[in-house]
């Protein structure tokens, strides 16, 4: 496995950090879009599962996240994420012409990927995978934070406020939670604008799902409290699809003690449509 990293320019000349992992022989490419307040370095379980299958894996740190530039945990418009992904997608395609592409979005990244796909020529992708997704906020997302973010988004959009999320929501693996808490690249705050934009794009997931034209896999833990509305979202997809609901798992199904189950389902899906 070969690893490289670097920066590319997102919209507004913002330097965005990215990483790529390449097998000796590439048969397909997987673009990953990470979740809120995290970064590209937290997906090694996925990388280690896909590289032996012959897939190159590319992922960038969203603006204001990880090693990318930008105000921490802030976005002026949610569409900035989709625009950045479009630039990254074209960069990766120039390095990998004529190869099949798959798009994987986790949590907030699932909203980015779904809305991104709904607005482009979808024939460029063979499949989409969503993990830790939904069409409404779950119980882990405090109602008071949603209310505050909505109000302050208009008057103080860039101030930093606590996300209100308990780190234990991500996994039942205590080491994963400990590493998450001690990770200097993981943020614990958000700005009101990002919080409010995220809510708007969460509740529009069903409408955008109806526009998806590529095979779609949903992966959720039965104990995931970050999102709700799973069944409503799944029902909205009018394509070849599957929904894996893992009993006894939380938000990050790739980082649970039983992660191999989800990783194997991920591999099987991508292999099926590559």
C-alpha atoms as a PDB file:
ATOM      1  CA  UNK A   1       0.000   0.000   0.000  1.00  0.00           C
ATOM      2  CA  UNK A   2       1.270   3.430  -0.987  1.00  0.00           C
ATOM      3  CA  UNK A   3       0.255   6.514   0.991  1.00  0.00           C
ATOM      4  CA  UNK A   4       0.487  10.122  -0.136  1.00  0.00           C
ATOM      5  CA  UNK A   5      -0.948  13.381   1.144  1.00  0.00           C
ATOM      6  CA  UNK A   6      -1.036  17.016   0.176  1.00  0.00           C
ATOM      7  CA  UNK A   7      -3.261  20.036  -0.341  1.00  0.00           C
ATOM      8  CA  UNK A   8      -5.582  21.260  -3.070  1.00  0.00           C
ATOM      9  CA  UNK A   9      -7.460  24.527  -3.424  1.00  0.00           C
ATOM     10  CA  UNK A  10     -11.139  24.430  -2.568  1.00  0.00           C
ATOM     11  CA  UNK A  11     -13.525  27.259  -3.295  1.00  0.00           C
ATOM     12  CA  UNK A  12     -12.382  30.675  -2.142  1.00  0.00           C
ATOM     13  CA  UNK A  13      -8.750  29.536  -2.493  1.00  0.00           C
ATOM     14  CA  UNK A  14      -9.021  27.596   0.771  1.00  0.00           C
ATOM     15  CA  UNK A  15      -6.254  25.009   1.091  1.00  0.00           C
ATOM     16  CA  UNK A  16      -7.766  21.619   1.846  1.00  0.00           C
ATOM     17  CA  UNK A  17      -5.720  18.691   3.103  1.00  0.00           C
ATOM     18  CA  UNK A  18      -6.175  15.274   1.513  1.00  0.00           C
ATOM     19  CA  UNK A  19      -4.820  11.754   1.781  1.00  0.00           C
ATOM     20  CA  UNK A  20      -4.767   8.847  -0.641  1.00  0.00           C
ATOM     21  CA  UNK A  21      -3.934   5.179  -0.270  1.00  0.00           C
ATOM     22  CA  UNK A  22      -3.112   3.162  -3.372  1.00  0.00           C
ATOM     23  CA  UNK A  23      -2.906  -0.609  -3.908  1.00  0.00           C
ATOM     24  CA  UNK A  24      -0.350  -2.060  -6.299  1.00  0.00           C
ATOM     25  CA  UNK A  25      -3.059  -2.612  -8.917  1.00  0.00           C
ATOM     26  CA  UNK A  26      -6.101  -0.329  -8.900  1.00  0.00           C
ATOM     27  CA  UNK A  27      -9.463  -1.660 -10.091  1.00  0.00           C
ATOM     28  CA  UNK A  28     -11.615   1.144  -8.693  1.00  0.00           C
ATOM     29  CA  UNK A  29     -11.637   4.316  -6.613  1.00  0.00           C
ATOM     30  CA  UNK A  30     -13.541   5.112  -3.420  1.00  0.00           C
ATOM     31  CA  UNK A  31     -14.020   8.749  -2.414  1.00  0.00           C
ATOM     32  CA  UNK A  32     -14.836   9.176   1.277  1.00  0.00           C
ATOM     33  CA  UNK A  33     -16.487  12.210   2.849  1.00  0.00           C
ATOM     34  CA  UNK A  34     -16.032  12.296   6.630  1.00  0.00           C
ATOM     35  CA  UNK A  35     -18.414  13.449   9.338  1.00  0.00           C
ATOM     36  CA  UNK A  36     -18.773  16.528  11.520  1.00  0.00           C
ATOM     37  CA  UNK A  37     -15.763  17.666  13.563  1.00  0.00           C
ATOM     38  CA  UNK A  38     -13.491  14.806  12.503  1.00  0.00           C
ATOM     39  CA  UNK A  39     -10.927  14.204   9.754  1.00  0.00           C
ATOM     40  CA  UNK A  40      -9.449  11.885   7.142  1.00  0.00           C
ATOM     41  CA  UNK A  41      -7.098  10.091   9.521  1.00  0.00           C
ATOM     42  CA  UNK A  42      -9.956   8.318  11.312  1.00  0.00           C
ATOM     43  CA  UNK A  43     -10.793   5.979   8.417  1.00  0.00           C
ATOM     44  CA  UNK A  44      -7.911   3.523   8.490  1.00  0.00           C
ATOM     45  CA  UNK A  45     -10.247   0.589   9.184  1.00  0.00           C
ATOM     46  CA  UNK A  46     -11.999   1.348   5.897  1.00  0.00           C
ATOM     47  CA  UNK A  47      -8.707   1.900   4.088  1.00  0.00           C
ATOM     48  CA  UNK A  48      -7.278  -1.397   5.365  1.00  0.00           C
ATOM     49  CA  UNK A  49     -10.417  -3.224   4.238  1.00  0.00           C
ATOM     50  CA  UNK A  50     -10.523  -1.756   0.735  1.00  0.00           C
ATOM     51  CA  UNK A  51      -6.863  -1.694  -0.285  1.00  0.00           C
ATOM     52  CA  UNK A  52      -6.540  -5.536  -0.437  1.00  0.00           C
ATOM     53  CA  UNK A  53      -9.650  -5.532  -2.652  1.00  0.00           C
ATOM     54  CA  UNK A  54      -7.824  -3.355  -5.190  1.00  0.00           C
ATOM     55  CA  UNK A  55      -9.472  -0.003  -4.438  1.00  0.00           C
ATOM     56  CA  UNK A  56      -7.664   3.315  -4.184  1.00  0.00           C
ATOM     57  CA  UNK A  57      -9.063   5.382  -1.321  1.00  0.00           C
ATOM     58  CA  UNK A  58      -9.136   9.178  -1.356  1.00  0.00           C
ATOM     59  CA  UNK A  59     -10.434  11.465   1.403  1.00  0.00           C
ATOM     60  CA  UNK A  60     -10.002  15.151   2.191  1.00  0.00           C
ATOM     61  CA  UNK A  61     -10.459  17.072   5.411  1.00  0.00           C
ATOM     62  CA  UNK A  62     -13.463  19.335   5.044  1.00  0.00           C
ATOM     63  CA  UNK A  63     -12.907  23.078   5.272  1.00  0.00           C
ATOM     64  CA  UNK A  64     -12.384  24.108   8.879  1.00  0.00           C
ATOM     65  CA  UNK A  65     -11.727  20.475   9.841  1.00  0.00           C
ATOM     66  CA  UNK A  66      -8.592  18.430  10.458  1.00  0.00           C
ATOM     67  CA  UNK A  67      -5.562  19.876   8.684  1.00  0.00           C
ATOM     68  CA  UNK A  68      -7.534  21.963   6.203  1.00  0.00           C
ATOM     69  CA  UNK A  69      -7.685  25.726   6.293  1.00  0.00           C
ATOM     70  CA  UNK A  70     -10.785  27.654   7.271  1.00  0.00           C
ATOM     71  CA  UNK A  71     -12.515  28.824  10.421  1.00  0.00           C
ATOM     72  CA  UNK A  72     -12.825  25.820  12.738  1.00  0.00           C
ATOM     73  CA  UNK A  73     -16.096  23.902  12.345  1.00  0.00           C
ATOM     74  CA  UNK A  74     -17.627  26.623  10.221  1.00  0.00           C
ATOM     75  CA  UNK A  75     -19.089  26.869   6.755  1.00  0.00           C
ATOM     76  CA  UNK A  76     -20.659  29.914   5.106  1.00  0.00           C
ATOM     77  CA  UNK A  77     -23.031  27.721   3.087  1.00  0.00           C
ATOM     78  CA  UNK A  78     -23.446  23.970   3.213  1.00  0.00           C
ATOM     79  CA  UNK A  79     -23.075  23.933  -0.564  1.00  0.00           C
ATOM     80  CA  UNK A  80     -19.416  24.889  -0.027  1.00  0.00           C
ATOM     81  CA  UNK A  81     -18.839  21.277   0.990  1.00  0.00           C
ATOM     82  CA  UNK A  82     -20.364  20.012  -2.251  1.00  0.00           C
ATOM     83  CA  UNK A  83     -18.364  22.488  -4.312  1.00  0.00           C
ATOM     84  CA  UNK A  84     -15.139  21.381  -2.606  1.00  0.00           C
ATOM     85  CA  UNK A  85     -16.040  17.744  -3.247  1.00  0.00           C
ATOM     86  CA  UNK A  86     -16.585  18.523  -6.918  1.00  0.00           C
ATOM     87  CA  UNK A  87     -13.098  20.003  -7.187  1.00  0.00           C
ATOM     88  CA  UNK A  88     -11.589  17.026  -5.344  1.00  0.00           C
ATOM     89  CA  UNK A  89     -13.507  14.573  -7.522  1.00  0.00           C
ATOM     90  CA  UNK A  90     -12.089  16.110 -10.684  1.00  0.00           C
ATOM     91  CA  UNK A  91      -8.570  16.062  -9.240  1.00  0.00           C
ATOM     92  CA  UNK A  92      -8.862  12.373  -8.389  1.00  0.00           C
ATOM     93  CA  UNK A  93     -10.334  11.518 -11.807  1.00  0.00           C
ATOM     94  CA  UNK A  94      -7.347  13.095 -13.551  1.00  0.00           C
ATOM     95  CA  UNK A  95      -5.125  10.709 -11.596  1.00  0.00           C
ATOM     96  CA  UNK A  96      -7.376   7.726 -12.281  1.00  0.00           C
ATOM     97  CA  UNK A  97      -8.904   8.062 -15.766  1.00  0.00           C
ATOM     98  CA  UNK A  98     -11.391   5.425 -16.921  1.00  0.00           C
ATOM     99  CA  UNK A  99     -11.685   3.717 -13.525  1.00  0.00           C
ATOM    100  CA  UNK A 100     -14.992   3.038 -11.713  1.00  0.00           C
ATOM    101  CA  UNK A 101     -15.733   5.485  -8.875  1.00  0.00           C
ATOM    102  CA  UNK A 102     -17.736   4.940  -5.680  1.00  0.00           C
ATOM    103  CA  UNK A 103     -18.806   7.586  -3.152  1.00  0.00           C
ATOM    104  CA  UNK A 104     -18.922   6.922   0.594  1.00  0.00           C
ATOM    105  CA  UNK A 105     -20.302   9.483   3.027  1.00  0.00           C
ATOM    106  CA  UNK A 106     -20.421   9.160   6.798  1.00  0.00           C
ATOM    107  CA  UNK A 107     -22.745  11.208   9.051  1.00  0.00           C
ATOM    108  CA  UNK A 108     -22.541  14.839   7.899  1.00  0.00           C
ATOM    109  CA  UNK A 109     -20.623  13.422   4.947  1.00  0.00           C
ATOM    110  CA  UNK A 110     -23.694  11.379   4.003  1.00  0.00           C
ATOM    111  CA  UNK A 111     -25.585  14.637   3.524  1.00  0.00           C
ATOM    112  CA  UNK A 112     -22.753  16.075   1.448  1.00  0.00           C
ATOM    113  CA  UNK A 113     -22.581  13.023  -0.821  1.00  0.00           C
ATOM    114  CA  UNK A 114     -26.349  12.716  -1.309  1.00  0.00           C
ATOM    115  CA  UNK A 115     -26.854  16.382  -2.150  1.00  0.00           C
ATOM    116  CA  UNK A 116     -23.706  16.392  -4.302  1.00  0.00           C
ATOM    117  CA  UNK A 117     -24.817  13.397  -6.356  1.00  0.00           C
ATOM    118  CA  UNK A 118     -28.326  14.762  -6.787  1.00  0.00           C
ATOM    119  CA  UNK A 119     -26.895  17.804  -8.544  1.00  0.00           C
ATOM    120  CA  UNK A 120     -24.401  16.270 -10.985  1.00  0.00           C
ATOM    121  CA  UNK A 121     -24.124  13.734 -13.815  1.00  0.00           C
ATOM    122  CA  UNK A 122     -24.551  10.651 -11.651  1.00  0.00           C
ATOM    123  CA  UNK A 123     -23.338   8.258 -14.349  1.00  0.00           C
ATOM    124  CA  UNK A 124     -19.822   9.148 -13.179  1.00  0.00           C
ATOM    125  CA  UNK A 125     -20.342   6.967 -10.089  1.00  0.00           C
ATOM    126  CA  UNK A 126     -21.054   3.257  -9.810  1.00  0.00           C
ATOM    127  CA  UNK A 127     -22.530   3.330  -6.301  1.00  0.00           C
ATOM    128  CA  UNK A 128     -23.047   5.348  -3.148  1.00  0.00           C
ATOM    129  CA  UNK A 129     -22.631   4.195   0.453  1.00  0.00           C
ATOM    130  CA  UNK A 130     -24.050   6.107   3.430  1.00  0.00           C
ATOM    131  CA  UNK A 131     -23.172   5.287   7.034  1.00  0.00           C
ATOM    132  CA  UNK A 132     -24.433   6.857  10.248  1.00  0.00           C
ATOM    133  CA  UNK A 133     -27.102   8.654   8.253  1.00  0.00           C
ATOM    134  CA  UNK A 134     -30.742   9.697   8.553  1.00  0.00           C
ATOM    135  CA  UNK A 135     -33.314  12.346   7.695  1.00  0.00           C
ATOM    136  CA  UNK A 136     -33.810  13.951  11.114  1.00  0.00           C
ATOM    137  CA  UNK A 137     -31.646  14.715  14.173  1.00  0.00           C
ATOM    138  CA  UNK A 138     -31.437  11.954  16.753  1.00  0.00           C
ATOM    139  CA  UNK A 139     -31.600  12.169  20.548  1.00  0.00           C
ATOM    140  CA  UNK A 140     -27.838  12.838  20.812  1.00  0.00           C
ATOM    141  CA  UNK A 141     -28.415  16.211  19.137  1.00  0.00           C
ATOM    142  CA  UNK A 142     -29.766  18.512  21.829  1.00  0.00           C
ATOM    143  CA  UNK A 143     -32.854  20.521  20.935  1.00  0.00           C
ATOM    144  CA  UNK A 144     -31.498  23.585  22.691  1.00  0.00           C
ATOM    145  CA  UNK A 145     -28.400  23.537  20.464  1.00  0.00           C
ATOM    146  CA  UNK A 146     -30.611  23.323  17.363  1.00  0.00           C
ATOM    147  CA  UNK A 147     -32.645  26.293  18.609  1.00  0.00           C
ATOM    148  CA  UNK A 148     -29.596  28.388  19.526  1.00  0.00           C
ATOM    149  CA  UNK A 149     -27.898  27.626  16.208  1.00  0.00           C
ATOM    150  CA  UNK A 150     -30.987  28.697  14.258  1.00  0.00           C
ATOM    151  CA  UNK A 151     -31.185  32.046  16.040  1.00  0.00           C
ATOM    152  CA  UNK A 152     -27.473  32.840  16.115  1.00  0.00           C
ATOM    153  CA  UNK A 153     -26.891  31.748  12.514  1.00  0.00           C
ATOM    154  CA  UNK A 154     -28.471  35.027  11.414  1.00  0.00           C
ATOM    155  CA  UNK A 155     -26.795  37.403  13.857  1.00  0.00           C
ATOM    156  CA  UNK A 156     -23.553  35.737  15.054  1.00  0.00           C
ATOM    157  CA  UNK A 157     -22.900  33.010  12.474  1.00  0.00           C
ATOM    158  CA  UNK A 158     -19.189  32.529  13.181  1.00  0.00           C
ATOM    159  CA  UNK A 159     -18.982  32.322  16.956  1.00  0.00           C
ATOM    160  CA  UNK A 160     -17.956  28.997  18.461  1.00  0.00           C
ATOM    161  CA  UNK A 161     -20.466  27.120  20.625  1.00  0.00           C
ATOM    162  CA  UNK A 162     -20.331  23.605  22.159  1.00  0.00           C
ATOM    163  CA  UNK A 163     -21.812  20.904  19.939  1.00  0.00           C
ATOM    164  CA  UNK A 164     -23.382  19.255  22.980  1.00  0.00           C
ATOM    165  CA  UNK A 165     -22.437  15.787  21.724  1.00  0.00           C
ATOM    166  CA  UNK A 166     -21.306  13.129  24.207  1.00  0.00           C
ATOM    167  CA  UNK A 167     -18.199  11.450  22.697  1.00  0.00           C
ATOM    168  CA  UNK A 168     -19.566   8.054  23.695  1.00  0.00           C
ATOM    169  CA  UNK A 169     -22.155   8.316  20.932  1.00  0.00           C
ATOM    170  CA  UNK A 170     -19.628   7.187  18.321  1.00  0.00           C
ATOM    171  CA  UNK A 171     -18.799   3.635  19.467  1.00  0.00           C
ATOM    172  CA  UNK A 172     -19.054   0.974  22.167  1.00  0.00           C
ATOM    173  CA  UNK A 173     -15.280   0.488  21.878  1.00  0.00           C
ATOM    174  CA  UNK A 174     -13.753   2.433  24.824  1.00  0.00           C
ATOM    175  CA  UNK A 175     -10.400   2.784  23.040  1.00  0.00           C
ATOM    176  CA  UNK A 176     -12.071   4.374  20.006  1.00  0.00           C
ATOM    177  CA  UNK A 177     -13.829   6.872  22.288  1.00  0.00           C
ATOM    178  CA  UNK A 178     -10.614   7.590  24.218  1.00  0.00           C
ATOM    179  CA  UNK A 179      -8.680   8.196  21.004  1.00  0.00           C
ATOM    180  CA  UNK A 180     -11.482  10.436  19.743  1.00  0.00           C
ATOM    181  CA  UNK A 181     -11.411  12.541  22.930  1.00  0.00           C
ATOM    182  CA  UNK A 182      -7.604  12.876  22.840  1.00  0.00           C
ATOM    183  CA  UNK A 183      -7.347  13.554  19.105  1.00  0.00           C
ATOM    184  CA  UNK A 184      -6.126  17.150  18.613  1.00  0.00           C
ATOM    185  CA  UNK A 185      -7.761  17.240  15.164  1.00  0.00           C
ATOM    186  CA  UNK A 186     -11.225  16.433  16.508  1.00  0.00           C
ATOM    187  CA  UNK A 187     -13.335  19.508  17.263  1.00  0.00           C
ATOM    188  CA  UNK A 188     -15.878  19.769  20.077  1.00  0.00           C
ATOM    189  CA  UNK A 189     -17.490  23.061  19.047  1.00  0.00           C
ATOM    190  CA  UNK A 190     -19.444  24.238  16.016  1.00  0.00           C
ATOM    191  CA  UNK A 191     -20.485  27.626  14.724  1.00  0.00           C
ATOM    192  CA  UNK A 192     -24.201  28.477  14.586  1.00  0.00           C
ATOM    193  CA  UNK A 193     -24.080  28.717  10.804  1.00  0.00           C
ATOM    194  CA  UNK A 194     -22.692  25.186  10.432  1.00  0.00           C
ATOM    195  CA  UNK A 195     -25.156  23.828  12.982  1.00  0.00           C
ATOM    196  CA  UNK A 196     -28.147  25.423  11.300  1.00  0.00           C
ATOM    197  CA  UNK A 197     -27.049  24.540   7.776  1.00  0.00           C
ATOM    198  CA  UNK A 198     -26.548  20.935   8.875  1.00  0.00           C
ATOM    199  CA  UNK A 199     -30.117  20.766  10.200  1.00  0.00           C
ATOM    200  CA  UNK A 200     -31.528  22.229   6.985  1.00  0.00           C
ATOM    201  CA  UNK A 201     -29.676  19.712   4.856  1.00  0.00           C
ATOM    202  CA  UNK A 202     -30.573  16.839   7.163  1.00  0.00           C
ATOM    203  CA  UNK A 203     -34.304  17.370   6.769  1.00  0.00           C
ATOM    204  CA  UNK A 204     -33.913  17.724   2.995  1.00  0.00           C
ATOM    205  CA  UNK A 205     -32.284  14.292   2.708  1.00  0.00           C
ATOM    206  CA  UNK A 206     -35.555  12.568   1.724  1.00  0.00           C
ATOM    207  CA  UNK A 207     -36.192  14.950  -1.173  1.00  0.00           C
ATOM    208  CA  UNK A 208     -32.665  14.512  -2.472  1.00  0.00           C
ATOM    209  CA  UNK A 209     -32.756  10.736  -2.030  1.00  0.00           C
ATOM    210  CA  UNK A 210     -35.598  10.636  -4.557  1.00  0.00           C
ATOM    211  CA  UNK A 211     -33.240  12.123  -7.145  1.00  0.00           C
ATOM    212  CA  UNK A 212     -30.474   9.552  -6.690  1.00  0.00           C
ATOM    213  CA  UNK A 213     -29.942   7.267  -9.672  1.00  0.00           C
ATOM    214  CA  UNK A 214     -27.054   5.050  -8.532  1.00  0.00           C
ATOM    215  CA  UNK A 215     -27.242   1.922  -6.343  1.00  0.00           C
ATOM    216  CA  UNK A 216     -27.209   2.949  -2.688  1.00  0.00           C
ATOM    217  CA  UNK A 217     -26.242   1.120   0.496  1.00  0.00           C
ATOM    218  CA  UNK A 218     -27.197   2.416   3.959  1.00  0.00           C
ATOM    219  CA  UNK A 219     -25.341   1.259   7.075  1.00  0.00           C
ATOM    220  CA  UNK A 220     -26.570   2.203  10.550  1.00  0.00           C
ATOM    221  CA  UNK A 221     -26.052   0.953  14.076  1.00  0.00           C
ATOM    222  CA  UNK A 222     -29.246   0.140  15.963  1.00  0.00           C
ATOM    223  CA  UNK A 223     -27.955   2.251  18.878  1.00  0.00           C
ATOM    224  CA  UNK A 224     -27.001   5.262  16.747  1.00  0.00           C
ATOM    225  CA  UNK A 225     -28.485   8.380  18.370  1.00  0.00           C
ATOM    226  CA  UNK A 226     -26.972  10.975  16.028  1.00  0.00           C
ATOM    227  CA  UNK A 227     -29.754  10.661  13.448  1.00  0.00           C
ATOM    228  CA  UNK A 228     -33.296   9.348  13.186  1.00  0.00           C
ATOM    229  CA  UNK A 229     -35.589   8.928  10.189  1.00  0.00           C
ATOM    230  CA  UNK A 230     -33.606   5.988   8.827  1.00  0.00           C
ATOM    231  CA  UNK A 231     -36.572   4.079   7.427  1.00  0.00           C
ATOM    232  CA  UNK A 232     -38.072   7.191   5.820  1.00  0.00           C
ATOM    233  CA  UNK A 233     -34.776   7.959   4.128  1.00  0.00           C
ATOM    234  CA  UNK A 234     -34.277   4.416   2.892  1.00  0.00           C
ATOM    235  CA  UNK A 235     -37.804   4.272   1.488  1.00  0.00           C
ATOM    236  CA  UNK A 236     -37.130   7.451  -0.521  1.00  0.00           C
ATOM    237  CA  UNK A 237     -34.387   5.865  -2.626  1.00  0.00           C
ATOM    238  CA  UNK A 238     -35.880   4.581  -5.874  1.00  0.00           C
ATOM    239  CA  UNK A 239     -32.822   2.650  -7.050  1.00  0.00           C
ATOM    240  CA  UNK A 240     -31.249  -0.719  -6.348  1.00  0.00           C
ATOM    241  CA  UNK A 241     -30.589  -0.452  -2.633  1.00  0.00           C
ATOM    242  CA  UNK A 242     -29.909  -2.215   0.647  1.00  0.00           C
ATOM    243  CA  UNK A 243     -30.113  -1.224   4.303  1.00  0.00           C
ATOM    244  CA  UNK A 244     -27.956  -2.910   6.930  1.00  0.00           C
ATOM    245  CA  UNK A 245     -28.995  -2.155  10.496  1.00  0.00           C
ATOM    246  CA  UNK A 246     -26.430  -3.576  12.923  1.00  0.00           C
ATOM    247  CA  UNK A 247     -27.729  -4.578  16.322  1.00  0.00           C
ATOM    248  CA  UNK A 248     -25.687  -3.265  19.236  1.00  0.00           C
ATOM    249  CA  UNK A 249     -23.660  -0.733  17.241  1.00  0.00           C
ATOM    250  CA  UNK A 250     -23.512   3.022  17.574  1.00  0.00           C
ATOM    251  CA  UNK A 251     -22.746   5.836  15.142  1.00  0.00           C
ATOM    252  CA  UNK A 252     -19.434   4.679  13.657  1.00  0.00           C
ATOM    253  CA  UNK A 253     -20.083   1.136  12.466  1.00  0.00           C
ATOM    254  CA  UNK A 254     -16.541   0.931  11.032  1.00  0.00           C
ATOM    255  CA  UNK A 255     -15.099   1.601  14.495  1.00  0.00           C
ATOM    256  CA  UNK A 256     -17.101  -0.844  16.599  1.00  0.00           C
ATOM    257  CA  UNK A 257     -15.749  -4.049  18.196  1.00  0.00           C
ATOM    258  CA  UNK A 258     -17.749  -5.969  15.556  1.00  0.00           C
ATOM    259  CA  UNK A 259     -16.602  -3.651  12.750  1.00  0.00           C
ATOM    260  CA  UNK A 260     -15.657  -6.535  10.440  1.00  0.00           C
ATOM    261  CA  UNK A 261     -19.357  -7.205   9.794  1.00  0.00           C
ATOM    262  CA  UNK A 262     -19.915  -3.711   8.430  1.00  0.00           C
ATOM    263  CA  UNK A 263     -16.585  -3.657   6.595  1.00  0.00           C
ATOM    264  CA  UNK A 264     -17.382  -6.942   4.861  1.00  0.00           C
ATOM    265  CA  UNK A 265     -20.788  -5.627   3.790  1.00  0.00           C
ATOM    266  CA  UNK A 266     -19.067  -2.520   2.452  1.00  0.00           C
ATOM    267  CA  UNK A 267     -16.581  -4.580   0.445  1.00  0.00           C
ATOM    268  CA  UNK A 268     -19.287  -6.854  -0.940  1.00  0.00           C
ATOM    269  CA  UNK A 269     -21.354  -3.890  -2.084  1.00  0.00           C
ATOM    270  CA  UNK A 270     -18.516  -2.095  -3.836  1.00  0.00           C
ATOM    271  CA  UNK A 271     -17.339  -5.311  -5.490  1.00  0.00           C
ATOM    272  CA  UNK A 272     -20.876  -5.959  -6.732  1.00  0.00           C
ATOM    273  CA  UNK A 273     -21.095  -2.643  -8.563  1.00  0.00           C
ATOM    274  CA  UNK A 274     -17.488  -1.985  -9.571  1.00  0.00           C
END
